[in-house]
Amino acid sequence: MKLASLPITTYGFQLLMFGRRKEGLTPDQYRDHYENVHIPLMKNLTGDTFPLTHVRHYVKRDGPPDFPAAVLMGNQADFDYDAVAVLTYRDKAHFDANWAFLRMKRRRN
């Protein structure tokens, strides 16, 4: 069986972002807001400067009241975030354009 070959593309710039939920939100509420409000809003606002990829990974958390992280290695204190996002840009200029746009928007508010 012959597999189709895919072009190999290397992008020049990746960024890791760590996100923390707002106090009072459950992990499920945080994820729902991030996926269904934040990301669509950012795509709409930033247009062509939005990252090529924005892959999100969420920390698995057990139930209330404190929603501790489901830790296999390390300590609870190591997980003071709820999501890790990997943002991929074509190059540094693409990254700079995206962040310049976001800084400009922040100054207006």
N, C-alpha and C. Protein backbone atom coordinates (compact mmCIF):
# COMPACT_ATOMS: atom_id res chain seq x y z
N MET A 1 0.84 -1.17 0.00
CA MET A 1 0.00 0.00 0.00
C MET A 1 0.89 1.24 0.00
N LYS A 2 0.56 2.17 -0.86
CA LYS A 2 1.33 3.40 -0.94
C LYS A 2 0.56 4.51 -0.24
N LEU A 3 1.23 5.20 0.64
CA LEU A 3 0.62 6.31 1.35
C LEU A 3 0.90 7.61 0.61
N ALA A 4 -0.07 8.46 0.60
CA ALA A 4 0.12 9.77 -0.02
C ALA A 4 1.13 10.56 0.78
N SER A 5 2.01 11.21 0.08
CA SER A 5 2.99 12.03 0.80
C SER A 5 2.41 13.42 1.04
N LEU A 6 2.70 13.94 2.16
CA LEU A 6 2.25 15.27 2.53
C LEU A 6 3.43 16.21 2.51
N PRO A 7 3.22 17.43 2.07
CA PRO A 7 4.34 18.38 2.09
C PRO A 7 4.75 18.66 3.53
N ILE A 8 6.03 18.74 3.73
CA ILE A 8 6.55 19.05 5.06
C ILE A 8 6.75 20.56 5.13
N THR A 9 6.08 21.15 6.08
CA THR A 9 6.17 22.60 6.25
C THR A 9 6.67 22.89 7.65
N THR A 10 7.62 23.75 7.74
CA THR A 10 8.13 24.16 9.05
C THR A 10 7.76 25.62 9.26
N TYR A 11 7.10 25.87 10.35
CA TYR A 11 6.76 27.24 10.68
C TYR A 11 7.79 27.76 11.65
N GLY A 12 8.07 29.03 11.53
CA GLY A 12 9.19 29.59 12.24
C GLY A 12 8.97 30.07 13.65
N PHE A 13 7.73 30.09 14.13
CA PHE A 13 7.53 30.72 15.43
C PHE A 13 6.38 30.07 16.16
N GLN A 14 6.65 29.56 17.35
CA GLN A 14 5.58 29.01 18.20
C GLN A 14 5.66 29.66 19.56
N LEU A 15 4.49 29.76 20.19
CA LEU A 15 4.37 30.39 21.49
C LEU A 15 3.52 29.50 22.39
N LEU A 16 3.95 29.31 23.61
CA LEU A 16 3.13 28.60 24.60
C LEU A 16 2.46 29.63 25.49
N MET A 17 1.15 29.46 25.68
CA MET A 17 0.41 30.35 26.58
C MET A 17 -0.24 29.50 27.66
N PHE A 18 -0.16 29.95 28.88
CA PHE A 18 -0.79 29.27 30.00
C PHE A 18 -1.98 30.10 30.44
N GLY A 19 -3.16 29.47 30.50
CA GLY A 19 -4.37 30.17 30.88
C GLY A 19 -4.91 29.69 32.22
N ARG A 20 -5.46 30.62 32.96
CA ARG A 20 -6.03 30.30 34.27
C ARG A 20 -7.47 30.78 34.28
N ARG A 21 -8.35 29.95 34.82
CA ARG A 21 -9.76 30.34 34.86
C ARG A 21 -10.01 31.40 35.92
N LYS A 22 -11.00 32.21 35.64
CA LYS A 22 -11.42 33.25 36.56
C LYS A 22 -12.04 32.60 37.80
N GLU A 23 -11.77 33.18 38.95
CA GLU A 23 -12.33 32.66 40.19
C GLU A 23 -13.85 32.57 40.08
N GLY A 24 -14.39 31.45 40.51
CA GLY A 24 -15.83 31.23 40.45
C GLY A 24 -16.28 30.40 39.26
N LEU A 25 -15.40 30.23 38.26
CA LEU A 25 -15.75 29.39 37.12
C LEU A 25 -15.31 27.95 37.37
N THR A 26 -16.12 27.02 36.95
CA THR A 26 -15.71 25.61 37.00
C THR A 26 -14.80 25.35 35.80
N PRO A 27 -14.03 24.27 35.84
CA PRO A 27 -13.21 23.93 34.66
C PRO A 27 -14.05 23.78 33.39
N ASP A 28 -15.23 23.20 33.49
CA ASP A 28 -16.09 23.04 32.30
C ASP A 28 -16.57 24.39 31.78
N GLN A 29 -16.92 25.30 32.68
CA GLN A 29 -17.35 26.64 32.25
C GLN A 29 -16.19 27.39 31.58
N TYR A 30 -15.00 27.23 32.15
CA TYR A 30 -13.82 27.88 31.57
C TYR A 30 -13.57 27.37 30.16
N ARG A 31 -13.58 26.06 30.01
CA ARG A 31 -13.33 25.47 28.69
C ARG A 31 -14.39 25.91 27.68
N ASP A 32 -15.64 25.88 28.09
CA ASP A 32 -16.72 26.29 27.20
C ASP A 32 -16.55 27.75 26.76
N HIS A 33 -16.21 28.62 27.70
CA HIS A 33 -16.01 30.04 27.37
C HIS A 33 -14.81 30.21 26.43
N TYR A 34 -13.73 29.53 26.73
CA TYR A 34 -12.52 29.64 25.91
C TYR A 34 -12.81 29.20 24.47
N GLU A 35 -13.45 28.03 24.34
CA GLU A 35 -13.70 27.45 23.02
C GLU A 35 -14.78 28.20 22.23
N ASN A 36 -15.85 28.61 22.90
CA ASN A 36 -17.03 29.11 22.20
C ASN A 36 -17.22 30.62 22.23
N VAL A 37 -16.44 31.32 23.07
CA VAL A 37 -16.53 32.78 23.12
C VAL A 37 -15.18 33.40 22.77
N HIS A 38 -14.15 33.05 23.54
CA HIS A 38 -12.84 33.69 23.40
C HIS A 38 -12.22 33.45 22.02
N ILE A 39 -12.10 32.20 21.62
CA ILE A 39 -11.43 31.89 20.35
C ILE A 39 -12.18 32.48 19.16
N PRO A 40 -13.51 32.29 19.04
CA PRO A 40 -14.20 32.93 17.91
C PRO A 40 -14.05 34.46 17.91
N LEU A 41 -14.10 35.07 19.09
CA LEU A 41 -13.93 36.52 19.18
C LEU A 41 -12.55 36.94 18.69
N MET A 42 -11.51 36.22 19.15
CA MET A 42 -10.15 36.56 18.74
C MET A 42 -9.95 36.37 17.24
N LYS A 43 -10.52 35.30 16.68
CA LYS A 43 -10.42 35.09 15.23
C LYS A 43 -11.08 36.24 14.48
N ASN A 44 -12.23 36.65 14.97
CA ASN A 44 -12.96 37.74 14.33
C ASN A 44 -12.19 39.06 14.44
N LEU A 45 -11.66 39.35 15.61
CA LEU A 45 -10.96 40.62 15.83
C LEU A 45 -9.62 40.71 15.10
N THR A 46 -8.88 39.61 15.09
CA THR A 46 -7.51 39.67 14.57
C THR A 46 -7.39 39.30 13.10
N GLY A 47 -8.42 38.68 12.53
CA GLY A 47 -8.42 38.38 11.10
C GLY A 47 -7.20 37.60 10.66
N ASP A 48 -6.51 38.12 9.64
CA ASP A 48 -5.36 37.42 9.06
C ASP A 48 -4.17 37.30 10.00
N THR A 49 -4.16 38.07 11.08
CA THR A 49 -3.03 37.97 12.00
C THR A 49 -3.22 36.86 13.03
N PHE A 50 -4.42 36.24 13.08
CA PHE A 50 -4.65 35.14 14.01
C PHE A 50 -3.63 34.04 13.71
N PRO A 51 -3.15 33.33 14.74
CA PRO A 51 -2.16 32.27 14.51
C PRO A 51 -2.65 31.23 13.50
N LEU A 52 -1.71 30.60 12.82
CA LEU A 52 -2.06 29.53 11.88
C LEU A 52 -2.74 28.39 12.61
N THR A 53 -2.24 28.08 13.80
CA THR A 53 -2.88 27.09 14.66
C THR A 53 -2.93 27.63 16.08
N HIS A 54 -3.94 27.19 16.80
CA HIS A 54 -4.12 27.58 18.21
C HIS A 54 -4.64 26.33 18.90
N VAL A 55 -3.73 25.46 19.30
CA VAL A 55 -4.08 24.16 19.87
C VAL A 55 -4.13 24.29 21.39
N ARG A 56 -5.27 23.89 21.96
CA ARG A 56 -5.46 24.02 23.40
C ARG A 56 -5.47 22.66 24.07
N HIS A 57 -4.80 22.60 25.22
CA HIS A 57 -4.77 21.40 26.06
C HIS A 57 -5.23 21.83 27.45
N TYR A 58 -6.19 21.09 28.00
CA TYR A 58 -6.76 21.46 29.30
C TYR A 58 -6.29 20.49 30.38
N VAL A 59 -5.99 21.03 31.55
CA VAL A 59 -5.61 20.22 32.70
C VAL A 59 -6.86 19.48 33.18
N LYS A 60 -6.75 18.17 33.32
CA LYS A 60 -7.87 17.39 33.85
C LYS A 60 -7.98 17.70 35.33
N ARG A 61 -9.18 18.05 35.73
CA ARG A 61 -9.41 18.40 37.13
C ARG A 61 -10.54 17.56 37.68
N ASP A 62 -10.39 17.16 38.95
CA ASP A 62 -11.43 16.41 39.64
C ASP A 62 -12.51 17.38 40.10
N GLY A 63 -13.52 16.87 40.76
CA GLY A 63 -14.71 17.66 41.10
C GLY A 63 -14.54 18.70 42.18
N PRO A 64 -15.67 19.37 42.48
CA PRO A 64 -15.68 20.43 43.49
C PRO A 64 -15.35 19.87 44.87
N PRO A 65 -15.02 20.71 45.83
CA PRO A 65 -15.14 22.16 45.74
C PRO A 65 -13.92 22.84 45.14
N ASP A 66 -12.75 22.21 45.18
CA ASP A 66 -11.52 22.91 44.78
C ASP A 66 -11.03 22.56 43.38
N PHE A 67 -11.60 21.56 42.75
CA PHE A 67 -11.19 21.10 41.42
C PHE A 67 -9.68 20.86 41.34
N PRO A 68 -9.16 19.94 42.18
CA PRO A 68 -7.73 19.67 42.11
C PRO A 68 -7.35 19.02 40.78
N ALA A 69 -6.14 19.26 40.34
CA ALA A 69 -5.65 18.64 39.11
C ALA A 69 -5.48 17.14 39.34
N ALA A 70 -5.76 16.37 38.31
CA ALA A 70 -5.54 14.92 38.36
C ALA A 70 -4.05 14.71 38.08
N VAL A 71 -3.25 14.66 39.13
CA VAL A 71 -1.80 14.67 39.03
C VAL A 71 -1.24 13.25 38.99
N LEU A 72 -0.47 12.96 37.94
CA LEU A 72 0.25 11.69 37.86
C LEU A 72 1.68 11.85 38.38
N MET A 73 2.27 12.99 38.09
CA MET A 73 3.62 13.30 38.56
C MET A 73 3.64 14.75 39.00
N GLY A 74 4.39 15.05 40.02
CA GLY A 74 4.47 16.42 40.51
C GLY A 74 3.50 16.66 41.64
N ASN A 75 3.24 17.92 41.92
CA ASN A 75 2.38 18.33 43.03
C ASN A 75 1.26 19.23 42.52
N GLN A 76 0.22 19.39 43.33
CA GLN A 76 -0.87 20.29 42.97
C GLN A 76 -0.35 21.69 42.65
N ALA A 77 0.61 22.14 43.42
CA ALA A 77 1.15 23.50 43.23
C ALA A 77 1.77 23.69 41.85
N ASP A 78 2.14 22.59 41.19
CA ASP A 78 2.72 22.68 39.85
C ASP A 78 1.67 23.04 38.79
N PHE A 79 0.39 22.92 39.14
CA PHE A 79 -0.69 23.10 38.17
C PHE A 79 -1.55 24.31 38.54
N ASP A 80 -0.93 25.48 38.50
CA ASP A 80 -1.66 26.71 38.81
C ASP A 80 -2.26 27.33 37.55
N TYR A 81 -2.40 26.53 36.52
CA TYR A 81 -3.02 26.94 35.26
C TYR A 81 -4.06 25.90 34.88
N ASP A 82 -4.94 26.25 33.96
CA ASP A 82 -6.01 25.34 33.54
C ASP A 82 -5.90 24.93 32.09
N ALA A 83 -5.13 25.67 31.32
CA ALA A 83 -4.97 25.34 29.90
C ALA A 83 -3.59 25.76 29.43
N VAL A 84 -3.09 25.01 28.47
CA VAL A 84 -1.86 25.36 27.76
C VAL A 84 -2.24 25.44 26.29
N ALA A 85 -1.92 26.55 25.66
CA ALA A 85 -2.20 26.70 24.23
C ALA A 85 -0.88 26.83 23.48
N VAL A 86 -0.80 26.15 22.35
CA VAL A 86 0.36 26.26 21.47
C VAL A 86 -0.08 27.05 20.25
N LEU A 87 0.47 28.24 20.10
CA LEU A 87 0.13 29.11 18.98
C LEU A 87 1.25 29.04 17.96
N THR A 88 0.90 28.81 16.71
CA THR A 88 1.89 28.70 15.64
C THR A 88 1.71 29.85 14.65
N TYR A 89 2.81 30.53 14.39
CA TYR A 89 2.84 31.64 13.45
C TYR A 89 3.78 31.30 12.29
N ARG A 90 3.53 31.91 11.13
CA ARG A 90 4.41 31.68 9.98
C ARG A 90 5.85 32.05 10.31
N ASP A 91 5.97 33.20 10.96
CA ASP A 91 7.30 33.74 11.27
C ASP A 91 7.15 34.82 12.33
N LYS A 92 8.26 35.43 12.69
CA LYS A 92 8.23 36.47 13.73
C LYS A 92 7.39 37.67 13.29
N ALA A 93 7.41 38.01 12.01
CA ALA A 93 6.62 39.14 11.53
C ALA A 93 5.12 38.87 11.71
N HIS A 94 4.69 37.65 11.49
CA HIS A 94 3.29 37.27 11.69
C HIS A 94 2.93 37.41 13.17
N PHE A 95 3.79 36.91 14.04
CA PHE A 95 3.59 37.04 15.48
C PHE A 95 3.51 38.52 15.87
N ASP A 96 4.47 39.32 15.40
CA ASP A 96 4.50 40.74 15.75
C ASP A 96 3.23 41.45 15.30
N ALA A 97 2.72 41.11 14.13
CA ALA A 97 1.49 41.73 13.62
C ALA A 97 0.31 41.38 14.52
N ASN A 98 0.23 40.13 14.94
CA ASN A 98 -0.87 39.69 15.80
C ASN A 98 -0.81 40.41 17.14
N TRP A 99 0.35 40.45 17.77
CA TRP A 99 0.46 41.05 19.09
C TRP A 99 0.37 42.57 19.03
N ALA A 100 0.83 43.18 17.94
CA ALA A 100 0.67 44.64 17.79
C ALA A 100 -0.81 44.99 17.71
N PHE A 101 -1.57 44.18 16.98
CA PHE A 101 -3.00 44.42 16.88
C PHE A 101 -3.66 44.29 18.25
N LEU A 102 -3.29 43.27 19.00
CA LEU A 102 -3.89 43.07 20.32
C LEU A 102 -3.52 44.19 21.28
N ARG A 103 -2.28 44.65 21.24
CA ARG A 103 -1.87 45.77 22.10
C ARG A 103 -2.63 47.04 21.74
N MET A 104 -2.84 47.27 20.45
CA MET A 104 -3.58 48.45 20.01
C MET A 104 -5.02 48.39 20.52
N LYS A 105 -5.65 47.23 20.43
CA LYS A 105 -7.02 47.06 20.92
C LYS A 105 -7.09 47.29 22.42
N ARG A 106 -6.10 46.79 23.15
CA ARG A 106 -6.08 46.93 24.61
C ARG A 106 -5.97 48.39 25.01
N ARG A 107 -5.17 49.16 24.30
CA ARG A 107 -5.00 50.59 24.62
C ARG A 107 -6.29 51.36 24.43
N ARG A 108 -7.11 50.95 23.49
CA ARG A 108 -8.37 51.64 23.22
C ARG A 108 -9.40 51.41 24.32
N ASN A 109 -9.28 50.30 25.03
CA ASN A 109 -10.28 49.96 26.06
C ASN A 109 -9.92 50.50 27.40
